[in-house]
Protein backbone atom coordinates (compact mmCIF):
# COMPACT_ATOMS: atom_id res chain seq x y z
CA UNK A 1 37.30 -24.51 -150.01
CA UNK A 2 35.65 -27.79 -150.92
CA UNK A 3 37.02 -30.75 -148.93
CA UNK A 4 37.19 -32.84 -152.08
CA UNK A 5 39.82 -30.42 -153.39
CA UNK A 6 41.96 -30.96 -150.28
CA UNK A 7 42.04 -34.75 -150.39
CA UNK A 8 43.09 -36.52 -153.58
CA UNK A 9 40.44 -38.70 -155.16
CA UNK A 10 42.65 -41.76 -154.72
CA UNK A 11 42.65 -41.28 -150.95
CA UNK A 12 38.87 -40.86 -150.95
CA UNK A 13 38.44 -44.05 -152.96
CA UNK A 14 40.73 -45.93 -150.57
CA UNK A 15 38.83 -44.59 -147.58
CA UNK A 16 35.53 -45.68 -149.13
CA UNK A 17 36.88 -49.17 -149.85
CA UNK A 18 38.45 -49.56 -146.41
CA UNK A 19 35.27 -49.03 -144.43
CA UNK A 20 31.70 -47.91 -144.77
CA UNK A 21 31.80 -44.19 -143.87
CA UNK A 22 30.20 -43.33 -140.55
CA UNK A 23 29.41 -39.84 -141.78
CA UNK A 24 28.16 -38.57 -145.08
CA UNK A 25 29.92 -35.94 -147.17
CA UNK A 26 27.84 -33.07 -145.73
CA UNK A 27 28.78 -34.05 -142.17
CA UNK A 28 32.43 -34.39 -143.12
CA UNK A 29 32.37 -31.04 -144.91
CA UNK A 30 31.02 -29.39 -141.76
CA UNK A 31 33.71 -31.03 -139.59
CA UNK A 32 36.41 -30.08 -142.10
CA UNK A 33 35.32 -26.45 -142.37
CA UNK A 34 35.34 -25.97 -138.60
CA UNK A 35 38.55 -27.86 -137.87
CA UNK A 36 40.87 -27.33 -140.85
CA UNK A 37 42.28 -23.92 -139.87
CA UNK A 38 42.99 -24.73 -136.21
CA UNK A 39 44.42 -28.15 -137.12
CA UNK A 40 46.72 -26.67 -139.75
CA UNK A 41 47.81 -23.87 -137.40
CA UNK A 42 48.62 -26.43 -134.70
CA UNK A 43 50.62 -28.60 -137.08
CA UNK A 44 52.44 -25.64 -138.64
CA UNK A 45 53.39 -24.16 -135.27
CA UNK A 46 54.31 -27.47 -133.64
CA UNK A 47 56.36 -28.68 -136.61
CA UNK A 48 57.77 -25.33 -137.68
CA UNK A 49 57.13 -26.22 -141.33
CA UNK A 50 53.98 -25.14 -143.21
CA UNK A 51 54.49 -27.63 -146.02
CA UNK A 52 54.81 -30.47 -143.52
CA UNK A 53 51.64 -29.16 -141.86
CA UNK A 54 49.84 -29.42 -145.21
CA UNK A 55 50.95 -33.03 -145.64
CA UNK A 56 50.13 -34.08 -142.08
CA UNK A 57 46.75 -32.35 -142.18
CA UNK A 58 45.81 -34.17 -145.37
CA UNK A 59 46.93 -37.50 -143.92
CA UNK A 60 44.99 -36.77 -140.71
CA UNK A 61 41.73 -36.34 -142.59
CA UNK A 62 42.33 -39.44 -144.69
CA UNK A 63 42.92 -41.50 -141.55
CA UNK A 64 39.91 -39.88 -139.90
CA UNK A 65 37.75 -41.05 -142.81
CA UNK A 66 39.34 -44.51 -142.93
CA UNK A 67 38.80 -45.01 -139.21
CA UNK A 68 35.06 -44.62 -139.67
CA UNK A 69 34.84 -42.37 -136.62
CA UNK A 70 31.23 -42.54 -135.45
CA UNK A 71 31.04 -38.78 -134.93
CA UNK A 72 30.03 -38.57 -131.26
CA UNK A 73 29.80 -34.83 -131.69
CA UNK A 74 31.98 -32.11 -133.05
CA UNK A 75 34.18 -31.81 -129.96
CA UNK A 76 34.95 -35.53 -130.02
CA UNK A 77 35.64 -35.43 -133.76
CA UNK A 78 37.98 -32.47 -133.37
CA UNK A 79 39.87 -34.08 -130.50
CA UNK A 80 40.15 -37.28 -132.51
CA UNK A 81 41.59 -35.34 -135.46
CA UNK A 82 44.11 -33.60 -133.19
CA UNK A 83 45.09 -36.97 -131.76
CA UNK A 84 45.65 -38.39 -135.26
CA UNK A 85 47.66 -35.30 -136.20
CA UNK A 86 49.72 -35.53 -133.01
CA UNK A 87 50.51 -39.17 -133.69
CA UNK A 88 51.55 -38.36 -137.25
CA UNK A 89 53.71 -35.50 -135.98
CA UNK A 90 55.32 -37.78 -133.41
CA UNK A 91 56.01 -40.38 -136.12
CA UNK A 92 57.59 -37.65 -138.24
CA UNK A 93 59.85 -36.59 -135.36
CA UNK A 94 60.97 -40.19 -134.85
CA UNK A 95 62.24 -40.43 -138.42
CA UNK A 96 65.77 -39.23 -139.18
CA UNK A 97 65.73 -35.55 -139.88
CA UNK A 98 66.78 -34.21 -143.22
CA UNK A 99 66.70 -30.52 -142.26
CA UNK A 100 66.82 -29.20 -138.69
CA UNK A 101 64.18 -26.63 -137.74
CA UNK A 102 66.96 -24.14 -136.95
CA UNK A 103 67.99 -24.18 -140.62
CA UNK A 104 64.54 -23.18 -141.85
CA UNK A 105 64.23 -19.61 -143.09
CA UNK A 106 62.24 -17.32 -140.76
CA UNK A 107 58.62 -16.36 -141.39
CA UNK A 108 57.64 -19.30 -143.62
CA UNK A 109 54.02 -18.87 -142.60
CA UNK A 110 51.49 -19.08 -145.43
CA UNK A 111 48.94 -16.89 -143.67
CA UNK A 112 49.06 -13.12 -144.26
CA UNK A 113 50.17 -11.09 -141.26
CA UNK A 114 48.49 -8.09 -139.73
CA UNK A 115 50.75 -5.64 -137.93
CA UNK A 116 49.87 -7.10 -134.49
CA UNK A 117 50.57 -10.61 -135.75
CA UNK A 118 53.86 -9.45 -137.23
CA UNK A 119 54.96 -7.88 -133.93
CA UNK A 120 54.13 -11.00 -131.94
CA UNK A 121 55.78 -13.25 -134.53
CA UNK A 122 58.98 -11.22 -134.43
CA UNK A 123 59.07 -11.86 -130.69
CA UNK A 124 57.65 -15.39 -130.47
CA UNK A 125 58.95 -17.14 -133.59
CA UNK A 126 62.65 -17.09 -132.65
CA UNK A 127 61.83 -18.27 -129.12
CA UNK A 128 59.49 -21.00 -130.37
CA UNK A 129 62.10 -22.22 -132.85
CA UNK A 130 64.52 -22.76 -129.96
CA UNK A 131 62.04 -24.89 -128.00
CA UNK A 132 61.91 -28.64 -128.35
CA UNK A 133 59.12 -29.81 -130.69
CA UNK A 134 57.12 -31.40 -127.86
CA UNK A 135 57.26 -28.15 -125.87
CA UNK A 136 55.96 -26.21 -128.88
CA UNK A 137 53.22 -28.80 -129.32
CA UNK A 138 52.10 -28.59 -125.69
CA UNK A 139 52.18 -24.79 -125.57
CA UNK A 140 50.16 -24.57 -128.78
CA UNK A 141 47.49 -27.00 -127.57
CA UNK A 142 47.23 -25.24 -124.20
CA UNK A 143 47.32 -21.61 -125.28
CA UNK A 144 46.27 -21.39 -128.92
CA UNK A 145 43.66 -24.17 -128.88
CA UNK A 146 42.71 -23.68 -125.19
CA UNK A 147 42.63 -27.40 -124.45
CA UNK A 148 42.60 -28.51 -120.81
CA UNK A 149 45.35 -30.69 -119.38
CA UNK A 150 43.07 -33.72 -119.64
CA UNK A 151 42.29 -33.00 -123.30
CA UNK A 152 45.98 -32.45 -124.11
CA UNK A 153 46.76 -35.76 -122.43
CA UNK A 154 44.16 -37.49 -124.62
CA UNK A 155 45.52 -35.86 -127.77
CA UNK A 156 49.20 -36.53 -127.06
CA UNK A 157 48.84 -39.87 -125.30
CA UNK A 158 50.69 -38.61 -122.20
CA UNK A 159 49.51 -38.76 -118.59
CA UNK A 160 47.60 -35.76 -117.20
CA UNK A 161 50.14 -35.32 -114.42
CA UNK A 162 52.92 -35.31 -117.00
CA UNK A 163 51.14 -32.59 -118.98
CA UNK A 164 51.08 -30.28 -115.97
CA UNK A 165 54.80 -30.70 -115.37
CA UNK A 166 55.78 -30.54 -119.04
CA UNK A 167 53.68 -27.40 -119.60
CA UNK A 168 55.23 -25.78 -116.53
CA UNK A 169 58.71 -26.51 -117.87
CA UNK A 170 57.81 -25.37 -121.39
CA UNK A 171 56.36 -22.10 -120.07
CA UNK A 172 59.43 -21.52 -117.92
CA UNK A 173 61.73 -22.22 -120.88
CA UNK A 174 59.68 -19.91 -123.12
CA UNK A 175 59.81 -17.12 -120.51
CA UNK A 176 63.58 -17.56 -120.26
CA UNK A 177 63.95 -17.39 -124.06
CA UNK A 178 61.72 -14.30 -124.29
CA UNK A 179 63.84 -12.51 -121.66
CA UNK A 180 66.91 -13.10 -123.79
């Protein structure tokens, strides 16, 4: 997928006018190709809504371009993107809700399932839907993206000591839900 197809030309023009880009299109394409799938998966799982994940992912890349991130390496770029996405997700949660996550139909995932994925989704999806959004977010960053507590703290803007406690509570709540 070409990154120009994912971001409307208006947003690209605005990003170009807002600041001189710190990376050229080839560099951005490389960052996009390596980070798009994990970023979308994080947003979809944390929000519980694939269409919202699409919107937030697009906005994350637009803001990434507008910020003129100097590109201190791929790891820093990826963490910066996850931080932008987390902030956008938090802003979304702060707005009044129009449809609770519990009212969403099950299995709205856009990705095709293999039989192993289907089995785990049948077990995990109902439990994840019952968790608070922040708990889903923290569990995803820790276990799906394999970020350390320090990296999760940087992405979410929380203290490292808070991450340890919140992850402990989220894991305990998830274990309780899976037993039921």
